[in-house]
Amino acid sequence: MKYYRLEPSYKKSVVEIAIWKRTDENGNAIFLRKELGWRWGSFLISVPETDEEKLEFAQSKSDDFESIEQMMEDWYGYTEEDGMTLEDVLLPDTEDEFVDITEDYDHAEMLECWDGCWEDWTVTSHTVDIDEDQADAWCEEAQEIYDEEYEEGVESLGWEFIDTIFEMHCSPVLTECDEYGNEPENADT
């Protein structure tokens, strides 16, 4: 297995978004979002090297995959004729200005995020207009209980936790590393 550490090229570019949901009396979905901006963060991305690792990775996506080539065509839409390698689809392009880590690199593992710089709470709905005062009250109530009881506290207010999403709002930096995210000691500097 090859390992890469994914980091931002600029500080204050890693964003963590936690999402909760509830429904109103008419069954309309209302979403509560907590956006937390981090000064820095890093993620570990594993890229299979051996045939056995590649098959195991493909089958982690679906038991129906019998090869990495089948997974690349079915999952990512690439064939061998496209000239795409497994690294091309499993690693972000360092020229990109935005990386949706959770959506596009679900195999990435967070190593660390540190020094939270901002925290914004918002309430939205795609189907119902929400009174601004009500949205502010929900946000304030959620933030207060979150500070004491974290996700479980917010859930005690009737919000169902949905997911946490990580994004990088700058070009990524990829560094080959070991399985713990550390650069090899004999690496050229």
C-alpha atoms as a PDB file:
ATOM      1  CA  MET A   1       0.000   0.000   0.000  1.00  0.00           C
ATOM      2  CA  LYS A   2       1.205   3.507  -0.780  1.00  0.00           C
ATOM      3  CA  TYR A   3       0.227   6.346   1.549  1.00  0.00           C
ATOM      4  CA  TYR A   4      -0.138  10.069   0.983  1.00  0.00           C
ATOM      5  CA  ARG A   5      -0.716  12.894   3.434  1.00  0.00           C
ATOM      6  CA  LEU A   6      -3.236  15.403   2.093  1.00  0.00           C
ATOM      7  CA  GLU A   7      -2.846  18.956   3.447  1.00  0.00           C
ATOM      8  CA  PRO A   8      -3.966  22.434   2.376  1.00  0.00           C
ATOM      9  CA  SER A   9      -1.636  24.820   0.591  1.00  0.00           C
ATOM     10  CA  TYR A  10      -2.974  27.702   2.732  1.00  0.00           C
ATOM     11  CA  LYS A  11      -3.855  27.946   6.404  1.00  0.00           C
ATOM     12  CA  LYS A  12      -7.503  28.417   7.436  1.00  0.00           C
ATOM     13  CA  SER A  13      -8.671  26.364   4.444  1.00  0.00           C
ATOM     14  CA  VAL A  14      -9.954  23.151   6.043  1.00  0.00           C
ATOM     15  CA  VAL A  15     -13.678  23.242   6.804  1.00  0.00           C
ATOM     16  CA  GLU A  16     -15.674  20.717   8.827  1.00  0.00           C
ATOM     17  CA  ILE A  17     -19.454  20.773   8.415  1.00  0.00           C
ATOM     18  CA  ALA A  18     -21.743  18.870  10.791  1.00  0.00           C
ATOM     19  CA  ILE A  19     -25.356  18.468   9.659  1.00  0.00           C
ATOM     20  CA  TRP A  20     -28.513  17.687  11.637  1.00  0.00           C
ATOM     21  CA  LYS A  21     -32.090  17.401  10.401  1.00  0.00           C
ATOM     22  CA  ARG A  22     -35.614  17.632  11.796  1.00  0.00           C
ATOM     23  CA  THR A  23     -39.036  17.807  10.202  1.00  0.00           C
ATOM     24  CA  ASP A  24     -41.762  20.337  10.832  1.00  0.00           C
ATOM     25  CA  GLU A  25     -45.415  19.478  11.504  1.00  0.00           C
ATOM     26  CA  ASN A  26     -45.996  19.087   7.733  1.00  0.00           C
ATOM     27  CA  GLY A  27     -43.070  16.702   7.255  1.00  0.00           C
ATOM     28  CA  ASN A  28     -40.786  19.306   5.640  1.00  0.00           C
ATOM     29  CA  ALA A  29     -37.073  18.830   6.251  1.00  0.00           C
ATOM     30  CA  ILE A  30     -35.162  21.536   8.131  1.00  0.00           C
ATOM     31  CA  PHE A  31     -31.383  21.368   8.383  1.00  0.00           C
ATOM     32  CA  LEU A  32     -29.054  22.673  11.088  1.00  0.00           C
ATOM     33  CA  ARG A  33     -25.445  23.173  10.019  1.00  0.00           C
ATOM     34  CA  LYS A  34     -22.348  23.840  12.098  1.00  0.00           C
ATOM     35  CA  GLU A  35     -19.394  25.004  10.005  1.00  0.00           C
ATOM     36  CA  LEU A  36     -16.040  24.886  11.765  1.00  0.00           C
ATOM     37  CA  GLY A  37     -12.983  26.364  10.048  1.00  0.00           C
ATOM     38  CA  TRP A  38      -9.610  24.910  11.014  1.00  0.00           C
ATOM     39  CA  ARG A  39      -6.235  26.647  10.823  1.00  0.00           C
ATOM     40  CA  TRP A  40      -4.704  23.381   9.603  1.00  0.00           C
ATOM     41  CA  GLY A  41      -5.565  19.777   8.983  1.00  0.00           C
ATOM     42  CA  SER A  42      -4.220  16.655   7.364  1.00  0.00           C
ATOM     43  CA  PHE A  43      -5.714  13.458   5.988  1.00  0.00           C
ATOM     44  CA  LEU A  44      -4.226  10.076   5.076  1.00  0.00           C
ATOM     45  CA  ILE A  45      -5.028   8.556   1.695  1.00  0.00           C
ATOM     46  CA  SER A  46      -4.157   4.910   1.002  1.00  0.00           C
ATOM     47  CA  VAL A  47      -3.549   3.771  -2.570  1.00  0.00           C
ATOM     48  CA  PRO A  48      -3.475   0.000  -3.194  1.00  0.00           C
ATOM     49  CA  GLU A  49      -0.355  -1.288  -4.944  1.00  0.00           C
ATOM     50  CA  THR A  50      -0.528  -5.073  -5.127  1.00  0.00           C
ATOM     51  CA  ASP A  51      -3.149  -6.991  -7.101  1.00  0.00           C
ATOM     52  CA  GLU A  52      -4.544  -8.332  -3.823  1.00  0.00           C
ATOM     53  CA  GLU A  53      -4.829  -4.818  -2.313  1.00  0.00           C
ATOM     54  CA  LYS A  54      -6.470  -3.521  -5.493  1.00  0.00           C
ATOM     55  CA  LEU A  55      -9.054  -6.321  -5.508  1.00  0.00           C
ATOM     56  CA  GLU A  56      -9.753  -5.793  -1.795  1.00  0.00           C
ATOM     57  CA  PHE A  57     -10.250  -2.062  -2.414  1.00  0.00           C
ATOM     58  CA  ALA A  58     -12.560  -2.707  -5.381  1.00  0.00           C
ATOM     59  CA  GLN A  59     -14.622  -5.168  -3.335  1.00  0.00           C
ATOM     60  CA  SER A  60     -14.850  -2.644  -0.487  1.00  0.00           C
ATOM     61  CA  LYS A  61     -16.876  -0.529  -2.945  1.00  0.00           C
ATOM     62  CA  SER A  62     -19.055  -3.470  -4.022  1.00  0.00           C
ATOM     63  CA  ASP A  63     -18.889  -7.239  -3.637  1.00  0.00           C
ATOM     64  CA  ASP A  64     -19.854  -7.434  -7.323  1.00  0.00           C
ATOM     65  CA  PHE A  65     -16.501  -6.056  -8.483  1.00  0.00           C
ATOM     66  CA  GLU A  66     -14.173  -8.783  -9.716  1.00  0.00           C
ATOM     67  CA  SER A  67     -11.260  -6.484 -10.606  1.00  0.00           C
ATOM     68  CA  ILE A  68      -9.910  -2.998 -10.080  1.00  0.00           C
ATOM     69  CA  GLU A  69     -10.510  -2.325 -13.792  1.00  0.00           C
ATOM     70  CA  GLN A  70     -14.218  -3.126 -13.389  1.00  0.00           C
ATOM     71  CA  MET A  71     -14.426  -0.852 -10.344  1.00  0.00           C
ATOM     72  CA  MET A  72     -12.677   2.010 -12.152  1.00  0.00           C
ATOM     73  CA  GLU A  73     -15.085   1.735 -15.084  1.00  0.00           C
ATOM     74  CA  ASP A  74     -18.269   1.250 -13.041  1.00  0.00           C
ATOM     75  CA  TRP A  75     -17.452   3.500 -10.064  1.00  0.00           C
ATOM     76  CA  TYR A  76     -15.388   6.264 -11.678  1.00  0.00           C
ATOM     77  CA  GLY A  77     -16.278   5.946 -15.387  1.00  0.00           C
ATOM     78  CA  TYR A  78     -12.730   5.267 -16.612  1.00  0.00           C
ATOM     79  CA  THR A  79     -11.367   2.449 -18.761  1.00  0.00           C
ATOM     80  CA  GLU A  80      -7.763   1.416 -19.408  1.00  0.00           C
ATOM     81  CA  GLU A  81      -7.979   3.220 -22.767  1.00  0.00           C
ATOM     82  CA  ASP A  82      -8.514   6.525 -20.912  1.00  0.00           C
ATOM     83  CA  GLY A  83      -4.987   6.222 -19.537  1.00  0.00           C
ATOM     84  CA  MET A  84      -6.180   6.832 -15.965  1.00  0.00           C
ATOM     85  CA  THR A  85      -4.363   5.100 -13.137  1.00  0.00           C
ATOM     86  CA  LEU A  86      -5.736   4.170  -9.748  1.00  0.00           C
ATOM     87  CA  GLU A  87      -3.696   7.031  -8.245  1.00  0.00           C
ATOM     88  CA  ASP A  88      -5.376   9.440 -10.681  1.00  0.00           C
ATOM     89  CA  VAL A  89      -8.807   8.627  -9.243  1.00  0.00           C
ATOM     90  CA  LEU A  90      -7.832   8.105  -5.596  1.00  0.00           C
ATOM     91  CA  LEU A  91      -5.789  11.295  -5.162  1.00  0.00           C
ATOM     92  CA  PRO A  92      -6.950  14.888  -5.669  1.00  0.00           C
ATOM     93  CA  ASP A  93      -5.421  16.964  -8.441  1.00  0.00           C
ATOM     94  CA  THR A  94      -2.969  19.422  -6.889  1.00  0.00           C
ATOM     95  CA  GLU A  95      -4.164  22.037  -9.405  1.00  0.00           C
ATOM     96  CA  ASP A  96      -7.741  21.992  -8.053  1.00  0.00           C
ATOM     97  CA  GLU A  97      -8.828  25.007  -5.990  1.00  0.00           C
ATOM     98  CA  PHE A  98     -11.365  23.003  -3.941  1.00  0.00           C
ATOM     99  CA  VAL A  99     -11.374  19.452  -2.611  1.00  0.00           C
ATOM    100  CA  ASP A 100     -14.554  17.823  -1.323  1.00  0.00           C
ATOM    101  CA  ILE A 101     -12.707  15.306   0.823  1.00  0.00           C
ATOM    102  CA  THR A 102     -15.740  13.448   2.170  1.00  0.00           C
ATOM    103  CA  GLU A 103     -17.584  13.186  -1.143  1.00  0.00           C
ATOM    104  CA  ASP A 104     -14.729  12.519  -3.560  1.00  0.00           C
ATOM    105  CA  TYR A 105     -12.196  10.770  -1.313  1.00  0.00           C
ATOM    106  CA  ASP A 106     -14.284   8.678   1.063  1.00  0.00           C
ATOM    107  CA  HIS A 107     -11.244   6.448   1.632  1.00  0.00           C
ATOM    108  CA  ALA A 108      -9.320   9.375   3.216  1.00  0.00           C
ATOM    109  CA  GLU A 109      -8.850   9.287   6.985  1.00  0.00           C
ATOM    110  CA  MET A 110      -8.434  12.419   9.063  1.00  0.00           C
ATOM    111  CA  LEU A 111      -5.053  12.551  10.780  1.00  0.00           C
ATOM    112  CA  GLU A 112      -5.571  15.853  12.575  1.00  0.00           C
ATOM    113  CA  CYS A 113      -7.302  19.197  12.526  1.00  0.00           C
ATOM    114  CA  TRP A 114      -6.207  21.895  14.924  1.00  0.00           C
ATOM    115  CA  ASP A 115      -6.858  25.437  16.058  1.00  0.00           C
ATOM    116  CA  GLY A 116     -10.459  26.110  15.150  1.00  0.00           C
ATOM    117  CA  CYS A 117     -10.686  29.650  13.734  1.00  0.00           C
ATOM    118  CA  TRP A 118     -14.414  30.159  13.260  1.00  0.00           C
ATOM    119  CA  GLU A 119     -17.701  28.457  13.951  1.00  0.00           C
ATOM    120  CA  ASP A 120     -20.942  29.390  12.179  1.00  0.00           C
ATOM    121  CA  TRP A 121     -24.361  27.855  12.802  1.00  0.00           C
ATOM    122  CA  THR A 122     -27.133  28.110  10.192  1.00  0.00           C
ATOM    123  CA  VAL A 123     -30.620  26.709   9.660  1.00  0.00           C
ATOM    124  CA  THR A 124     -31.949  26.090   6.139  1.00  0.00           C
ATOM    125  CA  SER A 125     -34.747  24.299   4.335  1.00  0.00           C
ATOM    126  CA  HIS A 126     -35.374  23.614   0.678  1.00  0.00           C
ATOM    127  CA  THR A 127     -39.138  23.372   1.148  1.00  0.00           C
ATOM    128  CA  VAL A 128     -40.214  25.864   3.800  1.00  0.00           C
ATOM    129  CA  ASP A 129     -39.489  29.517   4.544  1.00  0.00           C
ATOM    130  CA  ILE A 130     -37.940  29.827   7.981  1.00  0.00           C
ATOM    131  CA  ASP A 131     -38.436  32.961  10.030  1.00  0.00           C
ATOM    132  CA  GLU A 132     -35.046  34.598  10.660  1.00  0.00           C
ATOM    133  CA  ASP A 133     -35.768  35.010  14.382  1.00  0.00           C
ATOM    134  CA  GLN A 134     -36.708  31.317  14.648  1.00  0.00           C
ATOM    135  CA  ALA A 135     -33.541  30.279  12.780  1.00  0.00           C
ATOM    136  CA  ASP A 136     -31.410  32.442  15.082  1.00  0.00           C
ATOM    137  CA  ALA A 137     -33.117  30.962  18.164  1.00  0.00           C
ATOM    138  CA  TRP A 138     -32.522  27.379  16.957  1.00  0.00           C
ATOM    139  CA  CYS A 139     -28.869  28.168  16.203  1.00  0.00           C
ATOM    140  CA  GLU A 140     -28.292  29.814  19.583  1.00  0.00           C
ATOM    141  CA  GLU A 141     -30.000  26.954  21.444  1.00  0.00           C
ATOM    142  CA  ALA A 142     -28.001  24.329  19.504  1.00  0.00           C
ATOM    143  CA  GLN A 143     -24.702  26.127  19.988  1.00  0.00           C
ATOM    144  CA  GLU A 144     -25.227  26.474  23.734  1.00  0.00           C
ATOM    145  CA  ILE A 145     -26.005  22.802  24.263  1.00  0.00           C
ATOM    146  CA  TYR A 146     -23.281  21.709  21.828  1.00  0.00           C
ATOM    147  CA  ASP A 147     -20.708  23.547  23.935  1.00  0.00           C
ATOM    148  CA  GLU A 148     -21.730  21.353  26.892  1.00  0.00           C
ATOM    149  CA  GLU A 149     -22.896  18.048  25.405  1.00  0.00           C
ATOM    150  CA  TYR A 150     -21.664  17.994  21.779  1.00  0.00           C
ATOM    151  CA  GLU A 151     -23.683  16.077  19.142  1.00  0.00           C
ATOM    152  CA  GLU A 152     -25.766  14.244  21.743  1.00  0.00           C
ATOM    153  CA  GLY A 153     -26.911  17.550  23.210  1.00  0.00           C
ATOM    154  CA  VAL A 154     -28.088  18.794  19.834  1.00  0.00           C
ATOM    155  CA  GLU A 155     -29.917  15.508  19.287  1.00  0.00           C
ATOM    156  CA  SER A 156     -31.673  15.969  22.656  1.00  0.00           C
ATOM    157  CA  LEU A 157     -33.238  19.121  21.145  1.00  0.00           C
ATOM    158  CA  GLY A 158     -34.939  17.012  18.450  1.00  0.00           C
ATOM    159  CA  TRP A 159     -32.315  17.254  15.724  1.00  0.00           C
ATOM    160  CA  GLU A 160     -31.162  14.012  14.068  1.00  0.00           C
ATOM    161  CA  PHE A 161     -27.430  13.895  13.302  1.00  0.00           C
ATOM    162  CA  ILE A 162     -26.913  13.242   9.574  1.00  0.00           C
ATOM    163  CA  ASP A 163     -23.211  13.503   8.736  1.00  0.00           C
ATOM    164  CA  THR A 164     -19.922  15.355   9.041  1.00  0.00           C
ATOM    165  CA  ILE A 165     -18.287  16.619   5.862  1.00  0.00           C
ATOM    166  CA  PHE A 166     -14.723  17.844   5.319  1.00  0.00           C
ATOM    167  CA  GLU A 167     -13.709  20.264   2.567  1.00  0.00           C
ATOM    168  CA  MET A 168     -10.468  21.957   1.574  1.00  0.00           C
ATOM    169  CA  HIS A 169     -10.887  25.444   0.106  1.00  0.00           C
ATOM    170  CA  CYS A 170      -7.522  25.712  -1.638  1.00  0.00           C
ATOM    171  CA  SER A 171      -5.169  23.640  -3.762  1.00  0.00           C
ATOM    172  CA  PRO A 172      -4.116  20.447  -1.987  1.00  0.00           C
ATOM    173  CA  VAL A 173      -0.585  19.349  -1.188  1.00  0.00           C
ATOM    174  CA  LEU A 174       0.182  15.619  -1.363  1.00  0.00           C
ATOM    175  CA  THR A 175       3.206  14.132   0.374  1.00  0.00           C
ATOM    176  CA  GLU A 176       4.159  10.483   0.215  1.00  0.00           C
ATOM    177  CA  CYS A 177       4.295   9.134   3.763  1.00  0.00           C
ATOM    178  CA  ASP A 178       4.014   6.011   5.899  1.00  0.00           C
ATOM    179  CA  GLU A 179       0.760   4.503   7.196  1.00  0.00           C
ATOM    180  CA  TYR A 180       0.797   6.988  10.112  1.00  0.00           C
ATOM    181  CA  GLY A 181       1.149  10.115   7.967  1.00  0.00           C
ATOM    182  CA  ASN A 182       4.862  10.603   8.708  1.00  0.00           C
ATOM    183  CA  GLU A 183       7.378  11.265   5.953  1.00  0.00           C
ATOM    184  CA  PRO A 184       9.973   8.513   5.639  1.00  0.00           C
ATOM    185  CA  GLU A 185      13.162   9.361   7.564  1.00  0.00           C
ATOM    186  CA  ASN A 186      15.335   8.857   4.491  1.00  0.00           C
ATOM    187  CA  ALA A 187      13.251  11.222   2.327  1.00  0.00           C
ATOM    188  CA  ASP A 188      15.124  13.841   0.347  1.00  0.00           C
ATOM    189  CA  THR A 189      14.617  17.364   1.676  1.00  0.00           C
END
